[in-house]
């Protein structure tokens, strides 16, 4: 573990810049889902308990480097106060004098960092300005750690820095899952396109013992092997790439698990008439919308014989019943093994979180990451600038 945590920092009497992700959904000026705010509360509470004054840095929406009134963090303040159970001071134009003048136990929220074009440019001037506002920097926004911005990377190199509680939990879970896992390791990768997850698949081949491929991606692999897939979603022009991945998996002694049976229907709609057939028996006028029960049974056996699971993406068209069955059944099996202490399960990515919530098991996995792009880039083996900046010797 090359990064410091709040436990390593002396916060007494210090102004603590805390980079958080409170980019929450809003409707009619009200926050509709406060999950991201709830997840930063332990860090803010611990900064206050350590005698520090938390000053929150955050972005909201995509204002493209200029002030956009409806993207002001002023709108998030009431929900933040509600979650923290205390008043929050909002500063539209921050300066050190105003921060120092606030009470020692104040929580201060600064305006949207992306209102300045210098944020996304990671301009040294902005990093220096932010550093002048505090004594210590804490990054609690893993979801923004793949961006080299002034508030995620630049300022971290100018002040004593540490990971917040959410960042700490995320990094610890990811370390357990792929950096230093208990073997055997299985990865589940689903989703529509092989092309968008090519780097991910390539990175996983050398790191996991078994790789389960589902969703539209699996159709591309089936088609590449000469199976009939009818009108199914697939990238037929990626056939050579799919065959290359299969060959490389064999060289890496990584077993690829593809559907052995499939659920097919004539149309993509809820409750559509459907049937289960063998993987090569999709009628020409039908489409594959889910993995079949035989495939799920095989996946469950793989889970039972694994110690670590990393999951990104659904196994079928999970948004529409009954084509959510494979994803739900496999997720419930993973949750059951996790609760029994037999499996370390880490999942992430937008669709994945939605699928696990729909299956009612998100709270039963070892860790579910709310970071979409950062989680994916980490799985692809890329260095995350916001994490790398915490690794420096201070």
Protein backbone atom coordinates (compact mmCIF):
# COMPACT_ATOMS: atom_id res chain seq x y z
CA UNK A 1 0.00 0.00 0.00
CA UNK A 2 1.94 3.02 -1.23
CA UNK A 3 -0.58 5.70 -0.26
CA UNK A 4 -1.33 7.38 3.04
CA UNK A 5 -4.73 7.37 4.75
CA UNK A 6 -6.35 9.81 7.17
CA UNK A 7 -4.83 7.76 10.00
CA UNK A 8 -1.33 8.80 8.85
CA UNK A 9 -2.08 12.54 8.88
CA UNK A 10 -2.04 15.07 11.69
CA UNK A 11 -5.15 17.15 10.97
CA UNK A 12 -5.35 19.15 14.20
CA UNK A 13 -5.92 22.83 13.43
CA UNK A 14 -5.33 22.19 9.69
CA UNK A 15 -7.46 23.25 6.72
CA UNK A 16 -8.07 20.05 4.77
CA UNK A 17 -8.91 20.22 1.06
CA UNK A 18 -11.09 17.19 0.34
CA UNK A 19 -11.74 16.26 -3.31
CA UNK A 20 -15.15 14.55 -3.37
CA UNK A 21 -17.53 13.27 -6.02
CA UNK A 22 -20.97 14.78 -5.42
CA UNK A 23 -21.92 14.82 -9.10
CA UNK A 24 -25.43 13.65 -8.21
CA UNK A 25 -28.57 13.42 -10.36
CA UNK A 26 -30.99 16.36 -9.98
CA UNK A 27 -34.51 17.13 -11.08
CA UNK A 28 -36.31 20.45 -10.65
CA UNK A 29 -33.45 21.73 -8.48
CA UNK A 30 -33.59 18.76 -6.09
CA UNK A 31 -31.15 15.86 -5.66
CA UNK A 32 -32.92 12.63 -6.64
CA UNK A 33 -30.23 10.20 -5.42
CA UNK A 34 -27.90 11.19 -2.57
CA UNK A 35 -25.83 7.96 -2.60
CA UNK A 36 -22.61 9.71 -3.63
CA UNK A 37 -23.05 12.28 -0.87
CA UNK A 38 -23.70 9.54 1.71
CA UNK A 39 -20.46 7.78 0.70
CA UNK A 40 -18.26 10.80 1.52
CA UNK A 41 -19.73 11.34 5.00
CA UNK A 42 -17.23 9.05 6.84
CA UNK A 43 -14.29 11.08 5.48
CA UNK A 44 -15.80 14.44 6.43
CA UNK A 45 -16.73 13.12 9.89
CA UNK A 46 -13.17 11.80 10.43
CA UNK A 47 -11.56 15.06 9.28
CA UNK A 48 -13.71 16.96 11.80
CA UNK A 49 -13.00 14.38 14.53
CA UNK A 50 -9.26 14.84 13.86
CA UNK A 51 -9.54 18.59 14.41
CA UNK A 52 -9.40 19.54 10.72
CA UNK A 53 -11.58 21.98 8.80
CA UNK A 54 -12.88 20.23 5.63
CA UNK A 55 -13.00 22.34 2.46
CA UNK A 56 -14.75 20.38 -0.28
CA UNK A 57 -13.58 20.49 -3.91
CA UNK A 58 -15.94 18.98 -6.47
CA UNK A 59 -17.21 19.21 -10.03
CA UNK A 60 -20.84 19.10 -11.14
CA UNK A 61 -21.92 18.36 -14.70
CA UNK A 62 -19.94 19.50 -17.74
CA UNK A 63 -19.88 23.29 -17.80
CA UNK A 64 -16.90 23.28 -20.20
CA UNK A 65 -14.76 25.78 -18.33
CA UNK A 66 -17.27 28.54 -17.75
CA UNK A 67 -19.88 29.32 -15.07
CA UNK A 68 -23.27 27.73 -15.77
CA UNK A 69 -25.82 28.75 -13.08
CA UNK A 70 -27.75 25.46 -13.16
CA UNK A 71 -24.48 23.56 -12.58
CA UNK A 72 -23.58 25.50 -9.45
CA UNK A 73 -22.81 23.35 -6.42
CA UNK A 74 -25.05 25.75 -4.52
CA UNK A 75 -27.92 23.44 -5.62
CA UNK A 76 -26.30 20.43 -3.90
CA UNK A 77 -25.78 22.25 -0.57
CA UNK A 78 -29.21 21.36 0.99
CA UNK A 79 -28.75 17.63 0.28
CA UNK A 80 -25.19 17.80 1.62
CA UNK A 81 -26.43 19.47 4.83
CA UNK A 82 -29.14 16.87 5.17
CA UNK A 83 -26.67 13.95 4.92
CA UNK A 84 -24.03 15.53 7.17
CA UNK A 85 -26.58 16.75 9.71
CA UNK A 86 -24.87 20.15 9.93
CA UNK A 87 -24.70 23.50 8.20
CA UNK A 88 -22.41 23.87 5.18
CA UNK A 89 -20.79 27.18 4.20
CA UNK A 90 -20.82 27.76 0.42
CA UNK A 91 -18.07 29.93 -1.09
CA UNK A 92 -18.60 31.04 -4.67
CA UNK A 93 -15.23 32.84 -4.85
CA UNK A 94 -12.92 31.08 -2.41
CA UNK A 95 -9.96 32.74 -0.71
CA UNK A 96 -7.85 31.71 2.25
CA UNK A 97 -8.97 34.65 4.37
CA UNK A 98 -12.66 33.63 4.14
CA UNK A 99 -11.77 29.99 4.87
CA UNK A 100 -9.66 30.94 7.90
CA UNK A 101 -12.43 33.24 9.18
CA UNK A 102 -14.93 30.34 9.28
CA UNK A 103 -15.32 28.48 12.61
CA UNK A 104 -12.83 25.66 13.29
CA UNK A 105 -15.58 23.02 12.89
CA UNK A 106 -17.08 24.50 9.71
CA UNK A 107 -17.65 22.41 6.59
CA UNK A 108 -16.98 24.55 3.52
CA UNK A 109 -18.12 23.79 -0.03
CA UNK A 110 -16.35 25.59 -2.89
CA UNK A 111 -17.94 26.35 -6.26
CA UNK A 112 -17.76 23.85 -9.16
CA UNK A 113 -14.07 23.36 -10.03
CA UNK A 114 -14.99 22.94 -13.71
CA UNK A 115 -16.25 26.53 -13.93
CA UNK A 116 -12.60 27.32 -14.71
CA UNK A 117 -11.01 25.98 -17.93
CA UNK A 118 -7.80 25.53 -15.91
CA UNK A 119 -9.32 22.59 -13.96
CA UNK A 120 -9.48 20.11 -16.86
CA UNK A 121 -6.23 21.49 -18.32
CA UNK A 122 -4.56 20.66 -14.99
CA UNK A 123 -3.01 24.14 -15.16
CA UNK A 124 -0.18 24.64 -12.61
CA UNK A 125 -1.63 28.08 -11.72
CA UNK A 126 -4.94 26.52 -10.63
CA UNK A 127 -3.18 23.73 -8.72
CA UNK A 128 -1.11 26.36 -6.89
CA UNK A 129 -4.21 28.43 -6.14
CA UNK A 130 -6.05 25.41 -4.71
CA UNK A 131 -2.98 24.45 -2.66
CA UNK A 132 -2.91 27.97 -1.19
CA UNK A 133 -6.39 27.37 0.28
CA UNK A 134 -5.38 24.46 2.51
CA UNK A 135 -2.65 22.71 4.51
CA UNK A 136 -3.44 19.07 3.66
CA UNK A 137 -5.04 17.41 0.61
CA UNK A 138 -7.33 14.37 0.79
CA UNK A 139 -8.68 12.65 -2.31
CA UNK A 140 -11.96 10.82 -1.69
CA UNK A 141 -13.07 10.75 -5.33
CA UNK A 142 -11.83 7.51 -6.89
CA UNK A 143 -14.49 7.99 -9.60
CA UNK A 144 -12.53 11.05 -10.82
CA UNK A 145 -9.07 9.54 -10.26
CA UNK A 146 -8.62 8.64 -13.93
CA UNK A 147 -8.66 12.36 -14.78
CA UNK A 148 -5.43 14.38 -14.46
CA UNK A 149 -7.18 17.59 -13.37
CA UNK A 150 -5.97 20.40 -11.11
CA UNK A 151 -8.21 19.25 -8.24
CA UNK A 152 -7.42 15.52 -8.61
CA UNK A 153 -3.75 15.42 -9.58
CA UNK A 154 -2.10 18.84 -9.66
CA UNK A 155 -2.85 19.94 -6.08
CA UNK A 156 -1.99 16.46 -4.69
CA UNK A 157 1.63 17.04 -5.68
CA UNK A 158 1.84 20.35 -3.79
CA UNK A 159 0.49 19.41 -0.35
CA UNK A 160 0.86 16.48 2.08
CA UNK A 161 -1.74 14.07 0.62
CA UNK A 162 -3.81 11.09 1.67
CA UNK A 163 -6.69 8.92 0.53
CA UNK A 164 -10.09 9.54 2.11
CA UNK A 165 -12.16 6.68 3.55
CA UNK A 166 -14.06 5.98 0.32
CA UNK A 167 -10.86 6.09 -1.77
CA UNK A 168 -9.13 3.88 0.82
CA UNK A 169 -11.94 1.30 0.69
CA UNK A 170 -11.93 1.35 -3.11
CA UNK A 171 -8.15 0.95 -3.46
CA UNK A 172 -8.04 -1.81 -0.81
CA UNK A 173 -10.82 -3.73 -2.59
CA UNK A 174 -9.14 -3.39 -5.98
CA UNK A 175 -5.80 -4.49 -4.56
CA UNK A 176 -7.46 -7.61 -3.17
CA UNK A 177 -9.18 -8.30 -6.46
CA UNK A 178 -6.40 -8.07 -9.05
CA UNK A 179 -3.12 -6.80 -7.60
CA UNK A 180 -2.72 -9.41 -4.89
CA UNK A 181 -5.70 -11.77 -5.14
CA UNK A 182 -6.44 -15.12 -3.63
CA UNK A 183 -6.51 -17.61 -6.49
CA UNK A 184 -8.22 -18.94 -8.53
CA UNK A 185 -9.51 -15.60 -9.91
CA UNK A 186 -12.52 -15.33 -12.22
CA UNK A 187 -13.58 -12.22 -14.12
CA UNK A 188 -17.04 -11.64 -15.59
CA UNK A 189 -17.04 -9.19 -18.48
CA UNK A 190 -20.31 -8.36 -20.19
CA UNK A 191 -21.72 -5.57 -22.28
CA UNK A 192 -22.53 -4.79 -25.86
CA UNK A 193 -19.22 -4.43 -27.68
CA UNK A 194 -15.86 -6.17 -27.78
CA UNK A 195 -14.33 -3.01 -29.29
CA UNK A 196 -15.01 -0.93 -26.16
CA UNK A 197 -13.57 -3.58 -23.83
CA UNK A 198 -10.62 -4.79 -25.89
CA UNK A 199 -7.96 -3.35 -23.53
CA UNK A 200 -9.84 -4.78 -20.57
CA UNK A 201 -10.00 -8.31 -22.04
CA UNK A 202 -6.33 -8.20 -23.05
CA UNK A 203 -5.22 -7.08 -19.57
CA UNK A 204 -7.32 -9.72 -17.81
CA UNK A 205 -5.94 -12.63 -19.85
CA UNK A 206 -2.65 -12.54 -17.97
CA UNK A 207 -4.22 -11.88 -14.57
CA UNK A 208 -7.20 -14.22 -14.15
CA UNK A 209 -7.65 -17.98 -14.30
CA UNK A 210 -11.10 -17.91 -15.91
CA UNK A 211 -12.84 -15.25 -17.94
CA UNK A 212 -16.63 -15.34 -18.36
CA UNK A 213 -17.80 -13.35 -21.40
CA UNK A 214 -21.47 -12.35 -21.64
CA UNK A 215 -23.91 -9.94 -23.26
CA UNK A 216 -23.57 -8.78 -26.86
CA UNK A 217 -19.80 -9.37 -26.61
CA UNK A 218 -20.39 -13.11 -26.31
CA UNK A 219 -22.35 -13.04 -29.60
CA UNK A 220 -19.28 -11.64 -31.36
CA UNK A 221 -17.19 -14.56 -30.05
CA UNK A 222 -19.85 -17.11 -31.05
CA UNK A 223 -20.10 -15.64 -34.57
CA UNK A 224 -16.29 -15.66 -34.88
CA UNK A 225 -16.32 -19.39 -34.15
CA UNK A 226 -18.87 -19.98 -36.92
CA UNK A 227 -22.02 -20.24 -34.80
CA UNK A 228 -25.30 -18.92 -36.22
CA UNK A 229 -26.40 -15.87 -34.20
CA UNK A 230 -29.36 -14.69 -36.33
CA UNK A 231 -30.23 -10.98 -35.91
CA UNK A 232 -28.27 -10.68 -32.64
CA UNK A 233 -26.27 -7.63 -31.66
CA UNK A 234 -22.64 -8.41 -32.61
CA UNK A 235 -19.53 -6.85 -34.13
CA UNK A 236 -18.93 -9.20 -37.02
CA UNK A 237 -15.94 -7.14 -38.16
CA UNK A 238 -14.25 -8.03 -34.83
CA UNK A 239 -14.16 -11.76 -35.63
CA UNK A 240 -10.36 -11.89 -36.08
CA UNK A 241 -9.86 -9.97 -32.85
CA UNK A 242 -12.15 -12.37 -30.98
CA UNK A 243 -10.26 -15.41 -32.34
CA UNK A 244 -6.96 -13.74 -31.39
CA UNK A 245 -8.22 -13.25 -27.81
CA UNK A 246 -9.21 -16.94 -27.65
CA UNK A 247 -5.75 -17.99 -28.88
CA UNK A 248 -3.99 -15.68 -26.41
CA UNK A 249 -6.14 -17.00 -23.58
CA UNK A 250 -5.00 -20.52 -24.40
CA UNK A 251 -1.35 -19.40 -24.32
CA UNK A 252 -1.95 -17.71 -20.95
CA UNK A 253 -3.76 -20.81 -19.60
CA UNK A 254 -6.82 -18.65 -18.98
CA UNK A 255 -10.07 -20.52 -19.59
CA UNK A 256 -12.68 -18.50 -21.51
CA UNK A 257 -16.27 -19.34 -20.58
CA UNK A 258 -18.76 -18.58 -23.37
CA UNK A 259 -22.48 -19.45 -23.54
CA UNK A 260 -23.27 -23.11 -24.19
CA UNK A 261 -26.99 -22.37 -24.43
CA UNK A 262 -28.84 -19.15 -25.21
CA UNK A 263 -32.23 -17.51 -24.75
CA UNK A 264 -33.56 -16.24 -28.09
CA UNK A 265 -36.59 -14.15 -29.11
CA UNK A 266 -37.97 -12.59 -32.29
CA UNK A 267 -38.14 -9.13 -30.75
CA UNK A 268 -36.49 -7.10 -28.01
CA UNK A 269 -39.34 -6.25 -25.64
CA UNK A 270 -40.52 -7.14 -22.15
CA UNK A 271 -42.26 -10.49 -21.95
CA UNK A 272 -41.46 -11.35 -25.61
CA UNK A 273 -42.05 -14.95 -26.59
CA UNK A 274 -38.69 -16.73 -26.15
CA UNK A 275 -37.02 -20.12 -26.12
CA UNK A 276 -33.76 -21.68 -24.95
CA UNK A 277 -31.60 -23.38 -27.59
CA UNK A 278 -28.00 -24.57 -27.92
CA UNK A 279 -25.32 -21.93 -28.55
CA UNK A 280 -25.17 -22.73 -32.27
CA UNK A 281 -28.89 -23.08 -32.85
CA UNK A 282 -30.17 -19.48 -32.97
CA UNK A 283 -32.87 -19.22 -35.69
CA UNK A 284 -31.89 -16.85 -38.51
CA UNK A 285 -34.79 -14.48 -37.75
CA UNK A 286 -34.24 -14.43 -33.95
CA UNK A 287 -31.82 -12.64 -31.63
CA UNK A 288 -29.85 -13.79 -28.58
CA UNK A 289 -30.95 -11.83 -25.52
CA UNK A 290 -29.56 -13.83 -22.62
CA UNK A 291 -27.40 -16.76 -21.60
CA UNK A 292 -29.32 -19.99 -20.95
CA UNK A 293 -29.68 -22.02 -17.73
CA UNK A 294 -26.93 -24.47 -18.76
CA UNK A 295 -24.50 -21.55 -19.10
CA UNK A 296 -25.57 -20.15 -15.73
CA UNK A 297 -24.97 -23.56 -14.13
CA UNK A 298 -21.46 -23.60 -15.65
CA UNK A 299 -20.77 -20.04 -14.38
CA UNK A 300 -21.99 -21.00 -10.89
CA UNK A 301 -19.58 -23.99 -10.90
CA UNK A 302 -16.74 -21.62 -11.86
CA UNK A 303 -17.70 -19.30 -8.98
CA UNK A 304 -17.73 -22.24 -6.55
CA UNK A 305 -14.20 -23.16 -7.60
CA UNK A 306 -12.84 -19.60 -7.36
CA UNK A 307 -11.60 -17.48 -4.46
CA UNK A 308 -11.83 -14.04 -6.11
CA UNK A 309 -14.38 -12.55 -8.53
CA UNK A 310 -14.13 -9.29 -10.50
CA UNK A 311 -17.35 -8.36 -12.34
CA UNK A 312 -17.97 -5.73 -15.01
CA UNK A 313 -21.07 -5.87 -17.21
CA UNK A 314 -24.27 -7.94 -17.44
CA UNK A 315 -24.67 -11.39 -19.04
CA UNK A 316 -27.72 -10.46 -21.12
CA UNK A 317 -30.28 -7.73 -21.84
CA UNK A 318 -30.85 -7.36 -18.09
CA UNK A 319 -32.99 -4.20 -18.41
CA UNK A 320 -35.91 -6.23 -19.78
CA UNK A 321 -37.38 -9.31 -18.04
CA UNK A 322 -37.15 -12.22 -18.62
CA UNK A 323 -33.75 -11.54 -20.21
CA UNK A 324 -32.27 -10.55 -16.84
CA UNK A 325 -32.40 -14.13 -15.59
CA UNK A 326 -28.77 -15.16 -16.21
CA UNK A 327 -27.36 -11.97 -14.67
CA UNK A 328 -29.64 -12.21 -11.61
CA UNK A 329 -29.02 -15.93 -11.00
CA UNK A 330 -25.23 -15.64 -11.38
CA UNK A 331 -25.14 -12.52 -9.17
CA UNK A 332 -27.18 -14.24 -6.46
CA UNK A 333 -24.79 -17.20 -6.52
CA UNK A 334 -21.80 -14.86 -6.17
CA UNK A 335 -23.52 -13.09 -3.25
CA UNK A 336 -24.28 -16.41 -1.54
CA UNK A 337 -20.63 -17.53 -1.80
CA UNK A 338 -19.44 -14.13 -0.58
CA UNK A 339 -21.73 -14.26 2.46
CA UNK A 340 -20.44 -17.76 3.21
CA UNK A 341 -16.88 -16.37 3.26
CA UNK A 342 -15.83 -18.43 0.23
CA UNK A 343 -15.45 -15.64 -2.32
CA UNK A 344 -14.04 -12.10 -2.46
CA UNK A 345 -16.35 -10.33 -4.93
CA UNK A 346 -15.63 -6.90 -6.40
CA UNK A 347 -17.89 -5.32 -9.03
CA UNK A 348 -18.09 -1.97 -10.78
CA UNK A 349 -19.37 -0.03 -13.77
CA UNK A 350 -22.74 1.67 -14.28
CA UNK A 351 -24.66 -1.24 -15.83
CA UNK A 352 -23.12 -3.65 -13.35
CA UNK A 353 -24.24 -1.65 -10.32
CA UNK A 354 -27.77 -1.35 -11.80
CA UNK A 355 -27.86 -5.10 -12.48
CA UNK A 356 -26.68 -6.01 -8.97
CA UNK A 357 -29.21 -3.60 -7.44
CA UNK A 358 -31.95 -5.17 -9.57
CA UNK A 359 -30.85 -8.61 -8.35
CA UNK A 360 -30.99 -7.31 -4.76
CA UNK A 361 -27.39 -8.32 -4.03
CA UNK A 362 -25.29 -5.13 -4.31
CA UNK A 363 -24.99 -5.00 -0.52
CA UNK A 364 -23.86 -8.62 -0.35
CA UNK A 365 -20.76 -8.33 -2.56
CA UNK A 366 -17.42 -7.64 -0.85
CA UNK A 367 -17.25 -4.28 -2.63
CA UNK A 368 -19.28 -2.54 -5.30
CA UNK A 369 -17.53 0.40 -6.91
CA UNK A 370 -19.59 3.43 -7.84
CA UNK A 371 -16.77 4.63 -10.12
CA UNK A 372 -17.53 3.90 -13.78
CA UNK A 373 -14.64 5.07 -15.96
CA UNK A 374 -12.01 4.86 -13.22
CA UNK A 375 -13.00 1.28 -12.34
CA UNK A 376 -12.81 0.27 -16.01
CA UNK A 377 -9.42 1.95 -16.55
CA UNK A 378 -8.08 0.27 -13.43
CA UNK A 379 -9.27 -3.11 -14.79
CA UNK A 380 -7.54 -2.27 -18.06
CA UNK A 381 -4.26 -1.97 -16.14
CA UNK A 382 -3.90 1.78 -16.68
CA UNK A 383 -2.28 4.14 -14.20
CA UNK A 384 -4.84 6.46 -12.64
CA UNK A 385 -3.32 9.97 -12.26
CA UNK A 386 -5.30 10.79 -9.11
CA UNK A 387 -4.03 7.62 -7.42
CA UNK A 388 -0.46 7.94 -8.72
CA UNK A 389 -0.28 11.45 -7.21
CA UNK A 390 -1.02 9.97 -3.76
CA UNK A 391 1.86 7.51 -4.13
CA UNK A 392 4.62 10.12 -4.00
CA UNK A 393 6.91 10.40 -0.99
CA UNK A 394 5.77 13.44 0.95
